[in-house]
Amino acid sequence: MSDFAEVVADAGYVEEISAIVDETLERAELNQELWAFPEVLRVKGQILLARKLPDRDLAEEYFVRSLDRARAQGAPAWELRTAINIALLKAGAGPDGERTRAAAGRLCPFYGRAGYC
């Protein structure tokens, strides 16, 4: 669903796919079907950034929730995907040096596992 949602949003149907993602989040929480919840939260953040008037703060809140849930589930792949989104979001805000440090700081835990940080 996440890849489909991102493609649909990129095609310009942001509001339509946003409603579907919102329903998916509600259904997952209601039915306690949380195995893919971190990914759906990440996609919701992406959709918030794809709007004509992006909501960077709310997108970051969804990314942080996604990251927290991925960590709690022990899902490093979803954790990494979300960390990349947070790094990209941070790279687009603030002075250049600050952006680079903020983005690198978000990814360092993953690169550190591989011996790069």
C-alpha atoms as a PDB file:
ATOM      1  CA  MET A   1       0.000   0.000   0.000  1.00  0.00           C
ATOM      2  CA  SER A   2       2.813   2.419   0.803  1.00  0.00           C
ATOM      3  CA  ASP A   3       4.367   2.369  -2.662  1.00  0.00           C
ATOM      4  CA  PHE A   4       0.932   2.725  -4.262  1.00  0.00           C
ATOM      5  CA  ALA A   5       0.053   5.673  -2.000  1.00  0.00           C
ATOM      6  CA  GLU A   6       3.300   7.456  -2.826  1.00  0.00           C
ATOM      7  CA  VAL A   7       2.805   6.959  -6.586  1.00  0.00           C
ATOM      8  CA  VAL A   8      -0.787   8.206  -6.407  1.00  0.00           C
ATOM      9  CA  ALA A   9       0.287  11.264  -4.403  1.00  0.00           C
ATOM     10  CA  ASP A  10       3.093  11.976  -6.903  1.00  0.00           C
ATOM     11  CA  ALA A  11       0.498  11.777  -9.687  1.00  0.00           C
ATOM     12  CA  GLY A  12      -1.390  14.650  -8.072  1.00  0.00           C
ATOM     13  CA  TYR A  13      -4.121  12.824  -6.161  1.00  0.00           C
ATOM     14  CA  VAL A  14      -2.848  13.881  -2.765  1.00  0.00           C
ATOM     15  CA  GLU A  15      -6.175  14.559  -1.056  1.00  0.00           C
ATOM     16  CA  GLU A  16      -7.756  11.370  -2.365  1.00  0.00           C
ATOM     17  CA  ILE A  17      -4.932   9.122  -1.194  1.00  0.00           C
ATOM     18  CA  SER A  18      -4.694  11.044   2.079  1.00  0.00           C
ATOM     19  CA  ALA A  19      -8.274  10.033   2.901  1.00  0.00           C
ATOM     20  CA  ILE A  20      -7.472   6.383   2.145  1.00  0.00           C
ATOM     21  CA  VAL A  21      -4.336   6.465   4.309  1.00  0.00           C
ATOM     22  CA  ASP A  22      -6.320   8.071   7.151  1.00  0.00           C
ATOM     23  CA  GLU A  23      -8.887   5.258   6.925  1.00  0.00           C
ATOM     24  CA  THR A  24      -6.073   2.693   6.930  1.00  0.00           C
ATOM     25  CA  LEU A  25      -4.568   4.231  10.077  1.00  0.00           C
ATOM     26  CA  GLU A  26      -7.942   4.247  11.821  1.00  0.00           C
ATOM     27  CA  ARG A  27      -8.708   0.655  10.829  1.00  0.00           C
ATOM     28  CA  ALA A  28      -5.273  -0.567  11.911  1.00  0.00           C
ATOM     29  CA  GLU A  29      -5.603   1.058  15.335  1.00  0.00           C
ATOM     30  CA  LEU A  30      -9.189  -0.089  15.811  1.00  0.00           C
ATOM     31  CA  ASN A  31      -8.419  -3.709  14.889  1.00  0.00           C
ATOM     32  CA  GLN A  32      -4.961  -3.689  16.511  1.00  0.00           C
ATOM     33  CA  GLU A  33      -3.428  -4.715  13.176  1.00  0.00           C
ATOM     34  CA  LEU A  34      -0.238  -2.809  13.848  1.00  0.00           C
ATOM     35  CA  TRP A  35       2.418  -4.866  12.056  1.00  0.00           C
ATOM     36  CA  ALA A  36       2.714  -2.300   9.204  1.00  0.00           C
ATOM     37  CA  PHE A  37       1.723   0.719  11.275  1.00  0.00           C
ATOM     38  CA  PRO A  38       5.186   2.374  11.144  1.00  0.00           C
ATOM     39  CA  GLU A  39       5.105   2.327   7.354  1.00  0.00           C
ATOM     40  CA  VAL A  40       1.592   3.783   7.148  1.00  0.00           C
ATOM     41  CA  LEU A  41       2.604   6.579   9.530  1.00  0.00           C
ATOM     42  CA  ARG A  42       5.651   7.299   7.342  1.00  0.00           C
ATOM     43  CA  VAL A  43       3.507   7.435   4.214  1.00  0.00           C
ATOM     44  CA  LYS A  44       1.091   9.837   5.927  1.00  0.00           C
ATOM     45  CA  GLY A  45       4.060  12.126   6.628  1.00  0.00           C
ATOM     46  CA  GLN A  46       5.091  11.929   2.982  1.00  0.00           C
ATOM     47  CA  ILE A  47       1.573  12.827   1.875  1.00  0.00           C
ATOM     48  CA  LEU A  48       1.505  15.834   4.195  1.00  0.00           C
ATOM     49  CA  LEU A  49       4.675  17.055   2.467  1.00  0.00           C
ATOM     50  CA  ALA A  50       3.190  16.460  -0.993  1.00  0.00           C
ATOM     51  CA  ARG A  51       0.252  18.827  -0.447  1.00  0.00           C
ATOM     52  CA  LYS A  52       0.100  22.174  -2.212  1.00  0.00           C
ATOM     53  CA  LEU A  53       0.717  23.748   1.186  1.00  0.00           C
ATOM     54  CA  PRO A  54       3.017  21.218   2.887  1.00  0.00           C
ATOM     55  CA  ASP A  55       2.677  20.819   6.640  1.00  0.00           C
ATOM     56  CA  ARG A  56       6.282  20.158   7.645  1.00  0.00           C
ATOM     57  CA  ASP A  57       5.596  20.167  11.385  1.00  0.00           C
ATOM     58  CA  LEU A  58       2.753  17.653  11.194  1.00  0.00           C
ATOM     59  CA  ALA A  59       4.743  15.508   8.755  1.00  0.00           C
ATOM     60  CA  GLU A  60       7.602  15.434  11.237  1.00  0.00           C
ATOM     61  CA  GLU A  61       5.189  14.357  13.984  1.00  0.00           C
ATOM     62  CA  TYR A  62       4.082  11.416  11.831  1.00  0.00           C
ATOM     63  CA  PHE A  63       7.689  10.540  11.046  1.00  0.00           C
ATOM     64  CA  VAL A  64       8.607  10.579  14.740  1.00  0.00           C
ATOM     65  CA  ARG A  65       5.615   8.360  15.566  1.00  0.00           C
ATOM     66  CA  SER A  66       6.668   6.013  12.768  1.00  0.00           C
ATOM     67  CA  LEU A  67      10.236   5.906  14.035  1.00  0.00           C
ATOM     68  CA  ASP A  68       9.098   5.214  17.607  1.00  0.00           C
ATOM     69  CA  ARG A  69       6.745   2.431  16.485  1.00  0.00           C
ATOM     70  CA  ALA A  70       9.382   0.853  14.219  1.00  0.00           C
ATOM     71  CA  ARG A  71      11.867   0.818  17.097  1.00  0.00           C
ATOM     72  CA  ALA A  72       9.280  -0.680  19.451  1.00  0.00           C
ATOM     73  CA  GLN A  73       8.545  -3.423  16.925  1.00  0.00           C
ATOM     74  CA  GLY A  74      12.204  -4.077  16.204  1.00  0.00           C
ATOM     75  CA  ALA A  75      11.704  -3.256  12.520  1.00  0.00           C
ATOM     76  CA  PRO A  76      15.025  -1.741  11.350  1.00  0.00           C
ATOM     77  CA  ALA A  77      13.984  -1.508   7.683  1.00  0.00           C
ATOM     78  CA  TRP A  78      10.999   0.693   8.524  1.00  0.00           C
ATOM     79  CA  GLU A  79      13.106   2.587  11.026  1.00  0.00           C
ATOM     80  CA  LEU A  80      15.675   3.335   8.317  1.00  0.00           C
ATOM     81  CA  ARG A  81      13.053   4.411   5.764  1.00  0.00           C
ATOM     82  CA  THR A  82      11.578   6.821   8.285  1.00  0.00           C
ATOM     83  CA  ALA A  83      14.993   8.100   9.373  1.00  0.00           C
ATOM     84  CA  ILE A  84      15.760   8.900   5.730  1.00  0.00           C
ATOM     85  CA  ASN A  85      12.508  10.874   5.481  1.00  0.00           C
ATOM     86  CA  ILE A  86      13.340  12.799   8.647  1.00  0.00           C
ATOM     87  CA  ALA A  87      16.848  13.513   7.365  1.00  0.00           C
ATOM     88  CA  LEU A  88      15.453  14.803   4.061  1.00  0.00           C
ATOM     89  CA  LEU A  89      12.941  16.944   5.913  1.00  0.00           C
ATOM     90  CA  LYS A  90      15.643  18.378   8.164  1.00  0.00           C
ATOM     91  CA  ALA A  91      17.966  18.930   5.200  1.00  0.00           C
ATOM     92  CA  GLY A  92      15.375  21.321   3.772  1.00  0.00           C
ATOM     93  CA  ALA A  93      15.273  23.594   6.856  1.00  0.00           C
ATOM     94  CA  GLY A  94      17.791  25.884   8.507  1.00  0.00           C
ATOM     95  CA  PRO A  95      21.237  27.155   7.512  1.00  0.00           C
ATOM     96  CA  ASP A  96      23.276  24.838   5.280  1.00  0.00           C
ATOM     97  CA  GLY A  97      25.741  23.605   7.919  1.00  0.00           C
ATOM     98  CA  GLU A  98      22.957  23.060  10.406  1.00  0.00           C
ATOM     99  CA  ARG A  99      20.891  21.135   7.851  1.00  0.00           C
ATOM    100  CA  THR A 100      23.757  18.816   7.042  1.00  0.00           C
ATOM    101  CA  ARG A 101      24.486  18.084  10.703  1.00  0.00           C
ATOM    102  CA  ALA A 102      20.806  17.490  11.492  1.00  0.00           C
ATOM    103  CA  ALA A 103      20.384  15.128   8.542  1.00  0.00           C
ATOM    104  CA  ALA A 104      23.598  13.244   9.284  1.00  0.00           C
ATOM    105  CA  GLY A 105      22.660  12.977  12.947  1.00  0.00           C
ATOM    106  CA  ARG A 106      19.415  11.239  12.036  1.00  0.00           C
ATOM    107  CA  LEU A 107      21.151   8.631   9.898  1.00  0.00           C
ATOM    108  CA  CYS A 108      24.275   8.066  11.991  1.00  0.00           C
ATOM    109  CA  PRO A 109      22.711   5.319  14.144  1.00  0.00           C
ATOM    110  CA  PHE A 110      22.209   3.253  10.992  1.00  0.00           C
ATOM    111  CA  TYR A 111      25.561   4.026   9.472  1.00  0.00           C
ATOM    112  CA  GLY A 112      27.157   3.406  12.869  1.00  0.00           C
ATOM    113  CA  ARG A 113      25.873  -0.169  12.794  1.00  0.00           C
ATOM    114  CA  ALA A 114      27.825  -0.624   9.588  1.00  0.00           C
ATOM    115  CA  GLY A 115      30.935   1.107  10.974  1.00  0.00           C
ATOM    116  CA  TYR A 116      30.594   4.389   9.025  1.00  0.00           C
ATOM    117  CA  CYS A 117      29.996   6.813  11.954  1.00  0.00           C
END
